[in-house]
Protein backbone atom coordinates (compact mmCIF):
# COMPACT_ATOMS: atom_id res chain seq x y z
CA MET A 1 -11.85 -16.93 8.83
CA SER A 2 -14.94 -15.65 7.01
CA PHE A 3 -17.83 -13.93 8.77
CA PRO A 4 -21.23 -13.64 7.08
CA SER A 5 -22.61 -10.17 7.80
CA LEU A 6 -21.19 -7.23 9.78
CA THR A 7 -21.72 -3.50 10.28
CA ILE A 8 -18.89 -1.50 11.83
CA VAL A 9 -19.96 1.86 13.27
CA MET A 10 -17.07 4.32 13.51
CA ALA A 11 -17.66 7.56 15.43
CA ALA A 12 -15.36 10.44 14.45
CA PHE A 13 -14.89 13.83 16.08
CA ASN A 14 -12.09 15.96 14.61
CA GLU A 15 -10.16 12.94 13.33
CA GLU A 16 -9.05 14.14 9.89
CA GLU A 17 -5.43 13.12 10.56
CA ALA A 18 -6.10 9.57 11.73
CA LEU A 19 -9.23 8.71 9.75
CA PRO A 20 -7.76 7.84 6.31
CA ALA A 21 -5.31 5.23 7.63
CA CYS A 22 -7.86 3.85 10.07
CA VAL A 23 -10.51 3.47 7.36
CA GLU A 24 -8.05 1.88 4.93
CA ARG A 25 -7.06 -0.73 7.52
CA THR A 26 -10.71 -1.39 8.40
CA LEU A 27 -11.75 -1.81 4.77
CA ASP A 28 -8.86 -4.21 4.16
CA PHE A 29 -10.13 -6.33 7.03
CA LEU A 30 -13.78 -6.26 5.92
CA ARG A 31 -12.92 -7.24 2.35
CA ALA A 32 -10.75 -10.12 3.54
CA HIS A 33 -12.94 -11.55 6.28
CA VAL A 34 -16.60 -10.47 5.91
CA ALA A 35 -18.91 -11.67 3.13
CA ASP A 36 -21.47 -8.85 3.53
CA PRO A 37 -19.73 -5.80 5.06
CA GLU A 38 -20.84 -2.28 5.94
CA LEU A 39 -18.82 0.58 7.46
CA ILE A 40 -20.86 3.47 8.84
CA ILE A 41 -18.77 6.54 9.69
CA VAL A 42 -20.54 9.08 11.88
CA ASP A 43 -19.25 12.64 12.03
CA ASP A 44 -20.02 13.89 15.55
CA GLY A 45 -20.23 17.57 14.67
CA SER A 46 -16.54 17.95 13.80
CA SER A 47 -15.05 21.43 13.31
CA ASP A 48 -12.10 20.35 11.13
CA GLY A 49 -12.00 18.61 7.74
CA THR A 50 -13.54 15.37 9.03
CA PRO A 51 -17.05 15.87 7.51
CA ALA A 52 -15.74 16.45 3.97
CA LEU A 53 -13.29 13.58 4.35
CA ILE A 54 -16.06 11.17 5.38
CA ASP A 55 -18.14 12.18 2.36
CA ALA A 56 -15.15 11.65 0.06
CA LEU A 57 -14.51 8.21 1.54
CA ALA A 58 -18.18 7.25 1.11
CA GLU A 59 -18.06 8.42 -2.50
CA ALA A 60 -14.98 6.29 -3.18
CA HIS A 61 -15.98 3.09 -1.36
CA PRO A 62 -19.39 1.39 -1.71
CA GLU A 63 -19.06 -0.25 1.71
CA ILE A 64 -19.06 3.13 3.47
CA VAL A 65 -22.15 5.00 4.66
CA ALA A 66 -21.65 8.61 5.79
CA VAL A 67 -23.73 10.02 8.66
CA HIS A 68 -23.45 13.58 10.00
CA LEU A 69 -24.62 15.05 13.31
CA ALA A 70 -25.30 18.78 13.25
CA GLN A 71 -23.42 19.36 16.50
CA ASN A 72 -21.00 17.53 18.78
CA SER A 73 -23.30 15.35 20.89
CA GLY A 74 -21.07 12.69 22.45
CA MET A 75 -19.79 9.23 21.65
CA GLY A 76 -23.05 7.51 22.53
CA ALA A 77 -25.12 9.84 20.37
CA ALA A 78 -22.82 9.22 17.40
CA LEU A 79 -22.95 5.45 17.87
CA LEU A 80 -26.75 5.48 18.20
CA ALA A 81 -27.01 7.41 14.93
CA GLY A 82 -24.88 4.71 13.32
CA PHE A 83 -26.88 1.88 14.89
CA GLU A 84 -30.05 3.31 13.37
CA ARG A 85 -28.52 2.95 9.89
CA ALA A 86 -27.00 -0.51 10.47
CA ARG A 87 -28.41 -3.24 8.20
CA LYS A 88 -26.18 -6.28 8.77
CA GLU A 89 -26.69 -9.25 11.10
CA TRP A 90 -23.97 -8.29 13.57
CA VAL A 91 -22.90 -4.80 14.70
CA THR A 92 -19.67 -3.59 16.29
CA ILE A 93 -18.00 -0.26 16.99
CA MET A 94 -14.58 1.07 16.10
CA PRO A 95 -12.79 4.29 17.16
CA ALA A 96 -11.55 6.53 14.36
CA ASP A 97 -8.09 7.05 15.87
CA GLY A 98 -6.62 3.60 15.22
CA GLN A 99 -6.51 2.43 18.85
CA ILE A 100 -8.43 -0.68 17.84
CA ASP A 101 -7.27 -2.68 14.83
CA ALA A 102 -10.15 -4.23 12.90
CA HIS A 103 -8.17 -7.46 12.58
CA ASP A 104 -8.67 -7.98 16.33
CA LEU A 105 -12.32 -8.72 15.52
CA LEU A 106 -11.29 -12.25 14.58
CA ILE A 107 -11.19 -12.98 18.33
CA PHE A 108 -14.81 -11.85 18.59
CA PHE A 109 -15.90 -13.91 15.58
CA GLU A 110 -14.65 -17.08 17.26
CA ALA A 111 -16.88 -16.37 20.28
CA THR A 112 -20.14 -15.81 18.39
CA PRO A 113 -21.62 -19.36 18.36
CA GLY A 114 -24.41 -19.35 20.94
CA ALA A 115 -23.75 -15.73 21.96
CA ASP A 116 -25.82 -12.56 21.56
CA LEU A 117 -23.21 -10.07 22.74
CA ILE A 118 -19.43 -10.32 23.03
CA THR A 119 -17.73 -7.70 25.19
CA SER A 120 -13.99 -7.21 25.65
CA LEU A 121 -11.36 -6.45 28.26
CA TYR A 122 -7.94 -5.02 27.43
CA GLN A 123 -4.96 -7.23 28.21
CA ASN A 124 -2.23 -4.70 27.49
CA ARG A 125 -3.57 -1.22 28.26
CA LYS A 126 -1.68 0.94 30.75
CA TYR A 127 -3.85 3.86 31.85
CA PRO A 128 -2.41 7.06 33.36
CA ILE A 129 -3.33 7.14 37.04
CA GLY A 130 -5.98 9.85 36.54
CA ARG A 131 -7.70 7.93 33.73
CA LYS A 132 -7.50 4.71 35.74
CA ILE A 133 -9.22 6.32 38.74
CA LEU A 134 -11.91 7.84 36.50
CA SER A 135 -12.58 4.56 34.71
CA LEU A 136 -12.68 2.51 37.91
CA GLY A 137 -14.89 5.09 39.58
CA LEU A 138 -17.40 5.09 36.73
CA ARG A 139 -17.65 1.30 36.64
CA SER A 140 -17.93 1.02 40.42
CA LEU A 141 -20.57 3.75 40.58
CA THR A 142 -22.47 2.12 37.73
CA THR A 143 -22.61 -1.15 39.68
CA VAL A 144 -23.81 0.62 42.82
CA ILE A 145 -26.42 2.81 41.13
CA VAL A 146 -27.74 0.43 38.47
CA GLY A 147 -27.12 -2.81 40.37
CA THR A 148 -25.45 -4.70 37.51
CA ARG A 149 -21.76 -4.91 36.69
CA ALA A 150 -20.72 -4.27 33.11
CA ARG A 151 -17.68 -6.45 32.41
CA THR A 152 -16.34 -4.50 29.47
CA GLU A 153 -13.63 -2.00 28.54
CA GLY A 154 -13.22 -2.05 24.79
CA ILE A 155 -15.41 -2.64 21.77
CA TYR A 156 -18.24 -5.15 21.57
CA LEU A 157 -19.97 -7.28 18.95
CA VAL A 158 -23.75 -7.66 19.16
CA ARG A 159 -26.52 -9.20 17.10
CA ARG A 160 -28.46 -6.34 15.47
CA ALA A 161 -31.79 -7.95 16.38
CA VAL A 162 -30.71 -7.98 20.05
CA LEU A 163 -29.36 -4.43 19.91
CA GLU A 164 -32.72 -3.21 18.66
CA GLN A 165 -34.49 -4.88 21.59
CA LEU A 166 -32.27 -3.39 24.29
CA GLY A 167 -33.49 0.19 23.93
CA ALA A 168 -30.16 1.72 25.00
CA ARG A 169 -30.18 5.49 24.67
CA SER A 170 -27.24 7.11 26.53
CA HIS A 171 -25.52 9.84 24.50
CA SER A 172 -22.20 9.67 26.37
CA PHE A 173 -19.59 6.93 26.83
CA LEU A 174 -22.12 5.37 29.23
CA LEU A 175 -23.80 3.79 26.20
CA ASN A 176 -20.97 1.24 26.08
CA LEU A 177 -21.81 0.17 29.64
CA GLU A 178 -25.59 0.42 29.20
CA ILE A 179 -25.65 -2.09 26.34
CA PRO A 180 -24.07 -5.02 28.28
CA ILE A 181 -26.07 -4.09 31.41
CA ARG A 182 -29.34 -4.27 29.49
CA ALA A 183 -28.25 -7.45 27.70
CA LYS A 184 -27.50 -9.21 31.01
CA ARG A 185 -30.75 -8.05 32.56
CA GLY A 186 -32.64 -9.18 29.47
CA GLY A 187 -31.30 -12.72 29.74
CA PHE A 188 -29.22 -12.59 26.58
CA GLN A 189 -26.05 -14.67 26.26
CA VAL A 190 -23.02 -12.46 26.95
CA ARG A 191 -19.42 -13.57 26.50
CA THR A 192 -16.15 -11.70 27.08
CA VAL A 193 -12.87 -11.86 25.16
CA TYR A 194 -9.47 -10.29 25.78
CA MET A 195 -7.96 -7.97 23.20
CA ASN A 196 -5.11 -5.52 22.67
CA VAL A 197 -5.26 -1.77 22.35
CA HIS A 198 -2.85 0.15 20.12
CA ASP A 199 -1.34 3.63 20.01
CA ARG A 200 -3.41 6.33 18.37
CA ILE A 201 -2.47 7.17 14.81
CA ALA A 202 -2.98 10.85 15.68
CA GLY A 203 -4.95 13.11 17.98
CA HIS A 204 -5.85 12.76 21.64
CA SER A 205 -8.66 11.43 23.81
CA LYS A 206 -11.83 13.48 23.90
CA ALA A 207 -13.49 11.36 26.59
CA THR A 208 -11.95 13.03 29.63
CA SER A 209 -13.12 16.63 29.17
CA THR A 210 -15.09 18.06 32.09
CA ARG A 211 -18.19 18.43 29.92
CA ARG A 212 -18.06 14.77 28.86
CA ILE A 213 -17.48 13.55 32.43
CA VAL A 214 -20.45 15.56 33.73
CA GLN A 215 -22.63 14.30 30.88
CA THR A 216 -21.69 10.67 31.61
CA PHE A 217 -22.46 10.84 35.33
CA ARG A 218 -25.71 12.73 34.72
CA GLU A 219 -26.82 10.02 32.30
CA LEU A 220 -25.90 7.34 34.83
CA PHE A 221 -28.50 8.61 37.28
CA ARG A 222 -30.98 9.02 34.43
CA LEU A 223 -30.36 5.38 33.46
CA ARG A 224 -31.22 4.28 36.99
CA LEU A 225 -34.56 6.10 36.78
CA GLN A 226 -35.29 4.66 33.35
CA MET A 227 -34.62 1.11 34.48
CA GLU A 228 -36.77 1.58 37.58
CA ARG A 229 -39.66 2.74 35.38
CA GLU A 230 -39.17 -0.21 33.07
CA ARG A 231 -39.26 -2.62 36.05
CA ARG A 232 -42.51 -1.13 37.31
CA GLN A 233 -44.09 -1.33 33.87
CA ALA A 234 -43.00 -4.96 33.51
CA ARG A 235 -44.72 -5.86 36.80
CA ARG A 236 -48.06 -4.39 35.79
CA PRO A 237 -50.71 -7.01 34.93
């Protein structure tokens, strides 16, 4: 299956071990299935060899754009920096640890006719009990505080023109919930597919540190205030 135009944004924080194999697999997919591809790799203030590795990959492959953040700012911040540089018709995200195989995007491509955003749910992931409680708690609290349920777990595929209209701005993992929430509230067509998650090539999760958890929940309450302000402004004559 051939897809016309796609940007993949890959956020990387201290992923020098996993990144080469992950990028190679992703480039193989783009060259085989996308007519006009772009891979933006964002270094989220890494302290290992990731920044130099990203620059070397960008030098070797014309499809790659290197972006560097001066300090570690969070998954959402890294993705937003990549979104700002995206130039293709559709945009998706990809972790730099190999947990998502780019070839799984074929499922998303099939769902694009008539859709603005395609989210995903994992059909094979087995979370440790602590991670499961944290994930369920965040999604439940998001529904209570924001008033809209985000039916998503994994990556998503979104029209760039729609992404630019949404105005999502969370710097934490919350960005990946904010985007479908804003899309649903904006009346855009959202579909959901089921996909598989794979073992990491190397490294460990950085999403469950205390600092990241605090940042995510703080941004959740900030999102509620932002959306309330936007509602009031929309009602003004």
